[in-house]
Amino acid sequence: MKRIIELSYRVSILVMTMLVAVGVTACASVKKEPVDIKAPEIRLTDVLSSKKNEFPVKSGNYSLNVPDGKETHGVVACGMSPLDEKQKKMDVLDIPDYNGTEEFLYQFSCDTEPSKLTVHEWDASLLGETEAEAEATMSYEDAFILQLKHGKVYEIVAEWNEEKAETNGFYGEASYVVVTE
């Protein structure tokens, strides 16, 4: 009797091992490649400059989704606060002086145009005070010509609507920070 139980136990272990091996092989053959999801880089261009130099800006915070048939792949990336002290060490947008002008027009561009932009503005002296309220907030839905000033911190929040996900390849929002000189 003891031999029968021992033999039965060994057969059970062998069968379970084979089932696990088949299951792992089956799962491995169905596995999809991961979807690479990153926020697009934006560019700001001084509309009054004859040089048309572009100032590239990469996203710090974003939440994007990519439809893939019946599934949607998403990613959330958390970067620095717009007023984080480390923003001082990032590239600064050097705005030229145009005869005492206080506001300067910059063209926003992106390979995948967003549906909407929201721009939050703080004085650059507030860097390090991450809880400070924005001094101003502007929204843009059609023409993306931003009004920027010297000595400011701007958080540009770009939104891509879900309705345009098939055309754009994704939907969600991304935040970009620009510090001006």
Protein backbone atom coordinates (compact mmCIF):
# COMPACT_ATOMS: atom_id res chain seq x y z
CA MET A 1 0.00 0.00 0.00
CA LYS A 2 2.83 2.35 0.88
CA ARG A 3 4.41 1.75 -2.55
CA ILE A 4 1.13 2.55 -4.32
CA ILE A 5 0.80 5.86 -2.43
CA GLU A 6 4.44 6.71 -3.18
CA LEU A 7 4.01 5.85 -6.88
CA SER A 8 0.77 7.84 -7.03
CA TYR A 9 2.53 10.83 -5.45
CA ARG A 10 5.37 10.68 -8.02
CA VAL A 11 2.91 10.45 -10.91
CA SER A 12 1.02 13.48 -9.53
CA ILE A 13 4.26 15.48 -9.27
CA LEU A 14 5.20 14.48 -12.84
CA VAL A 15 1.77 15.45 -14.21
CA MET A 16 1.82 18.82 -12.38
CA THR A 17 5.34 19.54 -13.66
CA MET A 18 4.22 18.82 -17.22
CA LEU A 19 1.13 21.06 -16.83
CA VAL A 20 3.24 23.92 -15.48
CA ALA A 21 5.73 23.51 -18.35
CA VAL A 22 2.93 23.52 -20.94
CA GLY A 23 1.29 26.51 -19.23
CA VAL A 24 4.52 28.52 -19.18
CA THR A 25 5.19 27.71 -22.83
CA ALA A 26 1.63 28.67 -23.81
CA CYS A 27 1.82 31.95 -21.88
CA ALA A 28 5.20 32.80 -23.36
CA SER A 29 3.90 32.34 -26.90
CA VAL A 30 0.98 34.76 -26.27
CA LYS A 31 3.13 37.47 -24.65
CA LYS A 32 3.09 40.82 -26.50
CA GLU A 33 5.95 43.25 -26.85
CA PRO A 34 5.71 46.18 -24.39
CA VAL A 35 4.44 49.46 -25.83
CA ASP A 36 6.93 52.35 -25.54
CA ILE A 37 4.97 55.35 -24.29
CA LYS A 38 6.70 58.72 -23.89
CA ALA A 39 5.40 62.25 -23.94
CA PRO A 40 6.32 64.11 -27.11
CA GLU A 41 8.94 66.83 -26.95
CA ILE A 42 7.67 70.36 -27.51
CA ARG A 43 9.38 73.35 -29.06
CA LEU A 44 9.00 77.07 -28.40
CA THR A 45 9.98 79.58 -31.09
CA ASP A 46 10.21 83.36 -30.73
CA VAL A 47 7.79 84.63 -33.40
CA LEU A 48 9.57 88.03 -33.68
CA SER A 49 13.06 86.62 -34.17
CA SER A 50 14.45 86.35 -37.67
CA LYS A 51 16.57 83.38 -36.51
CA LYS A 52 13.55 81.20 -35.59
CA ASN A 53 15.62 79.33 -33.01
CA GLU A 54 13.66 76.54 -31.39
CA PHE A 55 13.83 75.92 -27.64
CA PRO A 56 13.15 72.19 -27.05
CA VAL A 57 11.37 71.15 -23.84
CA LYS A 58 10.91 67.58 -22.55
CA SER A 59 8.04 66.53 -20.33
CA GLY A 60 8.52 65.84 -16.66
CA ASN A 61 5.06 64.64 -15.64
CA TYR A 62 2.70 62.78 -17.92
CA SER A 63 -0.18 60.36 -18.01
CA LEU A 64 -0.61 58.84 -21.47
CA ASN A 65 -2.64 55.97 -22.89
CA VAL A 66 -2.14 54.03 -26.12
CA PRO A 67 -5.10 52.07 -27.50
CA ASP A 68 -4.10 48.61 -28.77
CA GLY A 69 -7.14 46.83 -30.15
CA LYS A 70 -9.42 46.00 -27.24
CA GLU A 71 -6.73 46.91 -24.69
CA THR A 72 -5.24 50.23 -23.66
CA HIS A 73 -1.69 50.53 -22.40
CA GLY A 74 -1.00 53.42 -20.07
CA VAL A 75 1.89 55.00 -18.24
CA VAL A 76 2.18 57.65 -15.55
CA ALA A 77 5.50 59.44 -15.06
CA CYS A 78 6.11 61.77 -12.15
CA GLY A 79 8.82 64.39 -12.47
CA MET A 80 9.68 67.50 -10.50
CA SER A 81 7.24 70.14 -9.35
CA PRO A 82 7.32 73.24 -11.58
CA LEU A 83 8.72 75.19 -8.61
CA ASP A 84 11.27 72.58 -7.53
CA GLU A 85 14.61 74.20 -6.65
CA LYS A 86 16.32 71.94 -9.25
CA GLN A 87 14.51 73.76 -12.07
CA LYS A 88 17.19 76.49 -11.70
CA LYS A 89 19.72 74.01 -13.10
CA MET A 90 17.64 73.20 -16.19
CA ASP A 91 17.97 75.00 -19.51
CA VAL A 92 16.62 78.54 -19.20
CA LEU A 93 14.78 80.25 -22.05
CA ASP A 94 16.65 83.51 -22.70
CA ILE A 95 13.99 85.94 -23.89
CA PRO A 96 15.40 88.84 -25.95
CA ASP A 97 14.55 92.47 -25.18
CA TYR A 98 12.37 94.17 -27.77
CA ASN A 99 12.31 97.89 -26.84
CA GLY A 100 10.71 97.60 -23.42
CA THR A 101 8.14 94.97 -24.35
CA GLU A 102 6.89 93.08 -21.27
CA GLU A 103 5.26 90.11 -22.99
CA PHE A 104 6.85 88.06 -25.75
CA LEU A 105 5.10 85.79 -28.21
CA TYR A 106 6.34 82.22 -28.58
CA GLN A 107 4.94 79.66 -31.00
CA PHE A 108 4.25 76.31 -29.35
CA SER A 109 4.88 73.34 -31.64
CA CYS A 110 4.79 69.60 -31.23
CA ASP A 111 4.87 66.67 -33.67
CA THR A 112 1.44 65.62 -32.37
CA GLU A 113 -0.60 68.77 -31.81
CA PRO A 114 -2.55 68.72 -28.55
CA SER A 115 -6.24 69.58 -28.25
CA LYS A 116 -5.67 72.12 -25.50
CA LEU A 117 -2.90 73.92 -23.59
CA THR A 118 -3.12 75.30 -20.07
CA VAL A 119 -0.24 77.53 -18.97
CA HIS A 120 0.41 78.31 -15.29
CA GLU A 121 2.74 81.22 -14.44
CA TRP A 122 4.82 81.92 -11.30
CA ASP A 123 7.53 84.46 -10.57
CA ALA A 124 10.97 82.80 -10.75
CA SER A 125 11.75 84.08 -7.22
CA LEU A 126 9.29 81.42 -5.99
CA LEU A 127 11.53 78.53 -7.11
CA GLY A 128 11.87 76.25 -4.11
CA GLU A 129 8.39 77.09 -2.79
CA THR A 130 6.60 74.13 -4.33
CA GLU A 131 3.24 74.91 -2.69
CA ALA A 132 2.94 78.47 -4.10
CA GLU A 133 -0.23 79.27 -6.06
CA ALA A 134 0.11 80.22 -9.73
CA GLU A 135 -0.04 83.98 -10.34
CA ALA A 136 -1.85 83.49 -13.64
CA THR A 137 -3.38 80.70 -15.72
CA MET A 138 -4.07 80.93 -19.46
CA SER A 139 -5.86 78.42 -21.70
CA TYR A 140 -5.33 77.94 -25.43
CA GLU A 141 -7.47 75.77 -27.70
CA ASP A 142 -6.88 76.98 -31.24
CA ALA A 143 -3.77 79.05 -31.89
CA PHE A 144 -0.87 78.07 -29.69
CA ILE A 145 0.94 81.41 -29.47
CA LEU A 146 2.04 81.78 -25.84
CA GLN A 147 2.69 85.09 -24.10
CA LEU A 148 5.84 84.77 -21.99
CA LYS A 149 7.64 87.24 -19.70
CA HIS A 150 11.14 87.63 -18.24
CA GLY A 151 11.90 86.02 -14.86
CA LYS A 152 8.99 83.58 -14.79
CA VAL A 153 8.35 79.86 -14.38
CA TYR A 154 5.77 78.35 -16.71
CA GLU A 155 4.11 74.98 -16.51
CA ILE A 156 2.62 74.12 -19.90
CA VAL A 157 0.05 71.33 -19.64
CA ALA A 158 -0.76 69.78 -23.04
CA GLU A 159 -3.89 67.64 -23.37
CA TRP A 160 -4.60 65.16 -26.16
CA ASN A 161 -8.29 64.14 -26.32
CA GLU A 162 -9.30 60.48 -26.32
CA GLU A 163 -11.52 61.18 -29.35
CA LYS A 164 -8.36 61.78 -31.42
CA ALA A 165 -6.47 58.75 -30.08
CA GLU A 166 -6.74 56.84 -33.35
CA THR A 167 -5.24 59.76 -35.29
CA ASN A 168 -2.63 60.73 -32.66
CA GLY A 169 -1.77 57.21 -31.54
CA PHE A 170 -2.35 58.13 -27.88
CA TYR A 171 -4.34 60.33 -25.49
CA GLY A 172 -3.72 61.90 -22.09
CA GLU A 173 -1.75 64.86 -20.80
CA ALA A 174 1.83 65.95 -20.28
CA SER A 175 3.37 68.77 -18.28
CA TYR A 176 6.36 70.82 -19.44
CA VAL A 177 8.28 73.39 -17.39
CA VAL A 178 10.00 76.47 -18.84
CA VAL A 179 11.99 78.96 -16.78
CA THR A 180 12.64 82.32 -18.45
CA GLU A 181 15.64 84.60 -17.93
